[in-house]
Amino acid sequence: MRLPWNRHRSASAEPVPPEATEEHVPGWDAITAAMLALHGAPEKRHVAFPPGVAFGSPLQGASVFDAGDHWHYVSYGLSELFAPAPDDTRTSQDGASS
């Protein structure tokens, strides 16, 4: 199956979080670790979605893993990627509304 974003293939074994050079990104790292545990280091595709959190969009990017008989589509940004937001009491640490 050819995906529309095949031209955006990541050269690395895992997606690189935005601004990862200076900032700890525990949520992003946890998602990536879970996918690597599930799939090893398969060939996958990653795409970043501009403009990102700075402009109000929670979705930072998505990765697609070819699991053989199906595709595993993983979004980055619908949970806390960078740091917990303790000021927002309506949202729990796992991203679910309380």
N, C-alpha and C. Protein backbone atom coordinates (compact mmCIF):
# COMPACT_ATOMS: atom_id res chain seq x y z
N MET A 1 0.85 -1.18 0.00
CA MET A 1 0.00 0.00 0.00
C MET A 1 0.89 1.24 0.00
N ARG A 2 0.58 2.18 -0.85
CA ARG A 2 1.33 3.42 -0.89
C ARG A 2 0.57 4.50 -0.15
N LEU A 3 1.24 5.11 0.81
CA LEU A 3 0.63 6.17 1.59
C LEU A 3 0.97 7.52 0.96
N PRO A 4 0.10 8.50 1.08
CA PRO A 4 0.32 9.79 0.43
C PRO A 4 1.55 10.52 0.93
N TRP A 5 2.04 10.21 2.11
CA TRP A 5 3.18 10.94 2.65
C TRP A 5 4.48 10.14 2.58
N ASN A 6 4.57 9.13 1.71
CA ASN A 6 5.81 8.36 1.56
C ASN A 6 7.01 9.25 1.26
N ARG A 7 6.79 10.37 0.63
CA ARG A 7 7.91 11.26 0.31
C ARG A 7 8.48 11.93 1.55
N HIS A 8 7.81 11.83 2.70
CA HIS A 8 8.27 12.44 3.95
C HIS A 8 8.97 11.44 4.85
N ARG A 9 9.52 10.38 4.30
CA ARG A 9 10.14 9.36 5.14
C ARG A 9 11.21 9.95 6.04
N SER A 10 11.22 9.47 7.25
CA SER A 10 12.22 9.89 8.21
C SER A 10 13.49 9.09 7.97
N ALA A 11 14.63 9.75 8.03
CA ALA A 11 15.90 9.06 7.84
C ALA A 11 16.34 8.35 9.12
N SER A 12 15.76 8.71 10.25
CA SER A 12 16.16 8.10 11.51
C SER A 12 15.28 6.89 11.83
N ALA A 13 15.69 6.14 12.84
CA ALA A 13 14.95 4.95 13.24
C ALA A 13 13.70 5.31 14.03
N GLU A 14 13.60 6.52 14.49
CA GLU A 14 12.42 6.94 15.24
C GLU A 14 12.12 8.41 14.93
N PRO A 15 10.87 8.84 15.11
CA PRO A 15 10.54 10.24 14.84
C PRO A 15 11.25 11.16 15.81
N VAL A 16 11.67 12.29 15.32
CA VAL A 16 12.37 13.27 16.15
C VAL A 16 11.37 14.31 16.60
N PRO A 17 11.20 14.47 17.92
CA PRO A 17 10.24 15.46 18.41
C PRO A 17 10.70 16.88 18.08
N PRO A 18 9.75 17.80 17.90
CA PRO A 18 10.13 19.18 17.64
C PRO A 18 10.91 19.75 18.81
N GLU A 19 11.92 20.53 18.51
CA GLU A 19 12.74 21.19 19.54
C GLU A 19 13.33 20.19 20.52
N ALA A 20 13.64 18.97 20.09
CA ALA A 20 14.13 17.94 20.98
C ALA A 20 15.56 18.16 21.41
N THR A 21 16.27 19.05 20.77
CA THR A 21 17.67 19.23 21.10
C THR A 21 17.86 19.84 22.49
N GLU A 22 16.95 20.67 22.93
CA GLU A 22 17.10 21.35 24.22
C GLU A 22 16.04 20.97 25.25
N GLU A 23 14.97 20.34 24.84
CA GLU A 23 13.83 20.13 25.72
C GLU A 23 13.59 18.65 25.98
N HIS A 24 13.31 18.31 27.22
CA HIS A 24 12.94 16.94 27.57
C HIS A 24 11.49 16.73 27.15
N VAL A 25 11.23 15.65 26.43
CA VAL A 25 9.89 15.39 25.92
C VAL A 25 9.43 14.00 26.38
N PRO A 26 9.05 13.88 27.65
CA PRO A 26 8.72 12.56 28.20
C PRO A 26 7.55 11.87 27.53
N GLY A 27 6.53 12.60 27.14
CA GLY A 27 5.38 11.99 26.48
C GLY A 27 5.75 11.42 25.12
N TRP A 28 6.49 12.20 24.35
CA TRP A 28 6.94 11.76 23.03
C TRP A 28 7.82 10.52 23.17
N ASP A 29 8.75 10.57 24.14
CA ASP A 29 9.66 9.44 24.36
C ASP A 29 8.90 8.18 24.76
N ALA A 30 7.86 8.32 25.57
CA ALA A 30 7.06 7.16 26.01
C ALA A 30 6.32 6.52 24.83
N ILE A 31 5.76 7.34 23.96
CA ILE A 31 5.06 6.81 22.78
C ILE A 31 6.05 6.08 21.89
N THR A 32 7.20 6.70 21.62
CA THR A 32 8.21 6.08 20.77
C THR A 32 8.72 4.78 21.38
N ALA A 33 8.96 4.75 22.69
CA ALA A 33 9.42 3.52 23.35
C ALA A 33 8.39 2.40 23.22
N ALA A 34 7.12 2.74 23.36
CA ALA A 34 6.06 1.73 23.23
C ALA A 34 6.01 1.17 21.81
N MET A 35 6.18 2.03 20.82
CA MET A 35 6.16 1.56 19.43
C MET A 35 7.38 0.72 19.10
N LEU A 36 8.54 1.11 19.62
CA LEU A 36 9.75 0.31 19.38
C LEU A 36 9.65 -1.04 20.07
N ALA A 37 9.02 -1.10 21.24
CA ALA A 37 8.82 -2.38 21.92
C ALA A 37 7.87 -3.28 21.13
N LEU A 38 6.88 -2.67 20.50
CA LEU A 38 5.91 -3.43 19.71
C LEU A 38 6.46 -3.87 18.35
N HIS A 39 7.17 -2.95 17.68
CA HIS A 39 7.56 -3.19 16.29
C HIS A 39 9.06 -3.32 16.09
N GLY A 40 9.87 -3.20 17.14
CA GLY A 40 11.31 -3.16 16.93
C GLY A 40 11.63 -1.84 16.25
N ALA A 41 12.50 -1.87 15.29
CA ALA A 41 12.84 -0.65 14.55
C ALA A 41 12.50 -0.85 13.07
N PRO A 42 11.21 -0.98 12.76
CA PRO A 42 10.83 -1.22 11.36
C PRO A 42 10.94 0.05 10.53
N GLU A 43 10.89 -0.13 9.22
CA GLU A 43 10.79 1.04 8.35
C GLU A 43 9.42 1.65 8.61
N LYS A 44 9.38 2.93 8.80
CA LYS A 44 8.12 3.60 9.07
C LYS A 44 8.14 4.98 8.46
N ARG A 45 7.04 5.61 8.49
CA ARG A 45 6.90 6.95 7.95
C ARG A 45 6.47 7.89 9.07
N HIS A 46 6.99 9.10 9.03
CA HIS A 46 6.61 10.11 10.02
C HIS A 46 6.39 11.42 9.29
N VAL A 47 5.37 12.13 9.71
CA VAL A 47 5.09 13.44 9.14
C VAL A 47 4.79 14.40 10.29
N ALA A 48 5.31 15.62 10.19
CA ALA A 48 5.03 16.66 11.18
C ALA A 48 3.90 17.53 10.65
N PHE A 49 3.03 17.97 11.55
CA PHE A 49 1.90 18.80 11.16
C PHE A 49 2.11 20.23 11.65
N PRO A 50 2.36 21.16 10.76
CA PRO A 50 2.47 22.55 11.18
C PRO A 50 1.09 23.10 11.43
N PRO A 51 0.85 24.10 12.18
CA PRO A 51 1.86 24.88 12.87
C PRO A 51 2.17 24.35 14.26
N GLY A 52 1.44 23.40 14.79
CA GLY A 52 1.75 22.82 16.09
C GLY A 52 1.15 23.56 17.26
N VAL A 53 1.59 23.17 18.45
CA VAL A 53 1.04 23.67 19.71
C VAL A 53 1.15 25.19 19.83
N ALA A 54 2.22 25.76 19.33
CA ALA A 54 2.41 27.20 19.45
C ALA A 54 1.25 28.00 18.86
N PHE A 55 0.54 27.40 17.91
CA PHE A 55 -0.58 28.10 17.28
C PHE A 55 -1.92 27.45 17.59
N GLY A 56 -1.98 26.66 18.66
CA GLY A 56 -3.24 26.11 19.11
C GLY A 56 -3.58 24.71 18.63
N SER A 57 -2.78 24.12 17.78
CA SER A 57 -3.05 22.76 17.30
C SER A 57 -2.36 21.75 18.20
N PRO A 58 -3.10 20.81 18.79
CA PRO A 58 -2.45 19.84 19.67
C PRO A 58 -1.67 18.77 18.92
N LEU A 59 -2.00 18.52 17.66
CA LEU A 59 -1.36 17.43 16.93
C LEU A 59 -0.02 17.88 16.37
N GLN A 60 1.07 17.23 16.83
CA GLN A 60 2.42 17.57 16.39
C GLN A 60 2.87 16.77 15.18
N GLY A 61 2.42 15.52 15.10
CA GLY A 61 2.84 14.68 13.99
C GLY A 61 2.21 13.31 14.09
N ALA A 62 2.55 12.45 13.13
CA ALA A 62 2.03 11.09 13.12
C ALA A 62 3.08 10.17 12.50
N SER A 63 3.12 8.95 13.00
CA SER A 63 3.98 7.91 12.43
C SER A 63 3.10 6.77 11.98
N VAL A 64 3.53 6.10 10.93
CA VAL A 64 2.82 4.94 10.42
C VAL A 64 3.82 3.80 10.36
N PHE A 65 3.50 2.70 11.04
CA PHE A 65 4.36 1.52 11.07
C PHE A 65 3.71 0.42 10.24
N ASP A 66 4.48 -0.19 9.35
CA ASP A 66 4.00 -1.32 8.56
C ASP A 66 4.18 -2.57 9.41
N ALA A 67 3.09 -3.12 9.91
CA ALA A 67 3.14 -4.29 10.78
C ALA A 67 2.90 -5.58 10.00
N GLY A 68 3.08 -5.54 8.69
CA GLY A 68 2.90 -6.74 7.88
C GLY A 68 1.51 -6.85 7.31
N ASP A 69 0.58 -7.32 8.12
CA ASP A 69 -0.79 -7.50 7.64
C ASP A 69 -1.69 -6.30 7.93
N HIS A 70 -1.13 -5.27 8.58
CA HIS A 70 -1.89 -4.05 8.84
C HIS A 70 -0.92 -2.89 9.07
N TRP A 71 -1.46 -1.69 9.09
CA TRP A 71 -0.68 -0.49 9.39
C TRP A 71 -1.02 -0.04 10.81
N HIS A 72 -0.02 0.44 11.53
CA HIS A 72 -0.23 0.98 12.87
C HIS A 72 0.00 2.49 12.77
N TYR A 73 -1.08 3.26 12.93
CA TYR A 73 -1.07 4.71 12.81
C TYR A 73 -1.01 5.30 14.21
N VAL A 74 0.02 6.10 14.50
CA VAL A 74 0.22 6.66 15.84
C VAL A 74 0.32 8.18 15.74
N SER A 75 -0.51 8.87 16.51
CA SER A 75 -0.44 10.33 16.52
C SER A 75 0.37 10.81 17.71
N TYR A 76 1.04 11.92 17.53
CA TYR A 76 1.80 12.57 18.60
C TYR A 76 1.16 13.92 18.87
N GLY A 77 0.65 14.11 20.09
CA GLY A 77 0.12 15.41 20.44
C GLY A 77 -1.26 15.43 21.03
N LEU A 78 -1.96 14.32 21.02
CA LEU A 78 -3.28 14.31 21.65
C LEU A 78 -3.16 13.91 23.12
N SER A 79 -1.94 13.92 23.61
CA SER A 79 -1.63 13.70 25.03
C SER A 79 -0.51 14.68 25.38
N GLU A 80 -0.06 14.67 26.62
CA GLU A 80 0.97 15.62 27.05
C GLU A 80 2.35 15.13 26.59
N LEU A 81 2.88 15.72 25.54
CA LEU A 81 4.18 15.31 25.00
C LEU A 81 5.34 15.94 25.75
N PHE A 82 5.22 17.20 26.10
CA PHE A 82 6.35 17.95 26.60
C PHE A 82 6.43 17.98 28.12
N ALA A 83 5.35 18.28 28.79
CA ALA A 83 5.33 18.35 30.25
C ALA A 83 3.88 18.31 30.70
N PRO A 84 3.64 17.79 31.90
CA PRO A 84 2.27 17.80 32.41
C PRO A 84 1.74 19.23 32.52
N ALA A 85 0.45 19.38 32.37
CA ALA A 85 -0.20 20.68 32.50
C ALA A 85 -1.04 20.70 33.77
N PRO A 86 -0.39 20.85 34.93
CA PRO A 86 -1.11 20.75 36.21
C PRO A 86 -2.15 21.83 36.43
N ASP A 87 -2.07 22.94 35.71
CA ASP A 87 -3.04 24.02 35.89
C ASP A 87 -4.41 23.66 35.32
N ASP A 88 -4.45 22.71 34.41
CA ASP A 88 -5.71 22.31 33.79
C ASP A 88 -6.29 21.13 34.57
N THR A 89 -7.16 21.41 35.52
CA THR A 89 -7.72 20.36 36.37
C THR A 89 -8.79 19.54 35.67
N ARG A 90 -9.20 19.96 34.47
CA ARG A 90 -10.20 19.21 33.72
C ARG A 90 -9.60 18.00 33.02
N THR A 91 -8.28 17.95 32.92
CA THR A 91 -7.61 16.87 32.20
C THR A 91 -6.71 16.09 33.14
N SER A 92 -6.81 14.78 33.10
CA SER A 92 -5.95 13.94 33.93
C SER A 92 -4.59 13.78 33.28
N GLN A 93 -3.67 13.10 33.95
CA GLN A 93 -2.33 12.90 33.41
C GLN A 93 -2.32 12.02 32.17
N ASP A 94 -3.35 11.20 31.96
CA ASP A 94 -3.37 10.36 30.76
C ASP A 94 -4.13 11.03 29.62
N GLY A 95 -4.53 12.28 29.79
CA GLY A 95 -5.18 13.01 28.72
C GLY A 95 -6.69 12.93 28.73
N ALA A 96 -7.26 12.07 29.58
CA ALA A 96 -8.71 11.90 29.62
C ALA A 96 -9.35 13.03 30.42
N SER A 97 -10.47 13.49 29.97
CA SER A 97 -11.19 14.53 30.70
C SER A 97 -11.77 13.96 31.97
N SER A 98 -11.72 14.75 33.03
CA SER A 98 -12.27 14.29 34.31
C SER A 98 -13.65 14.83 34.55
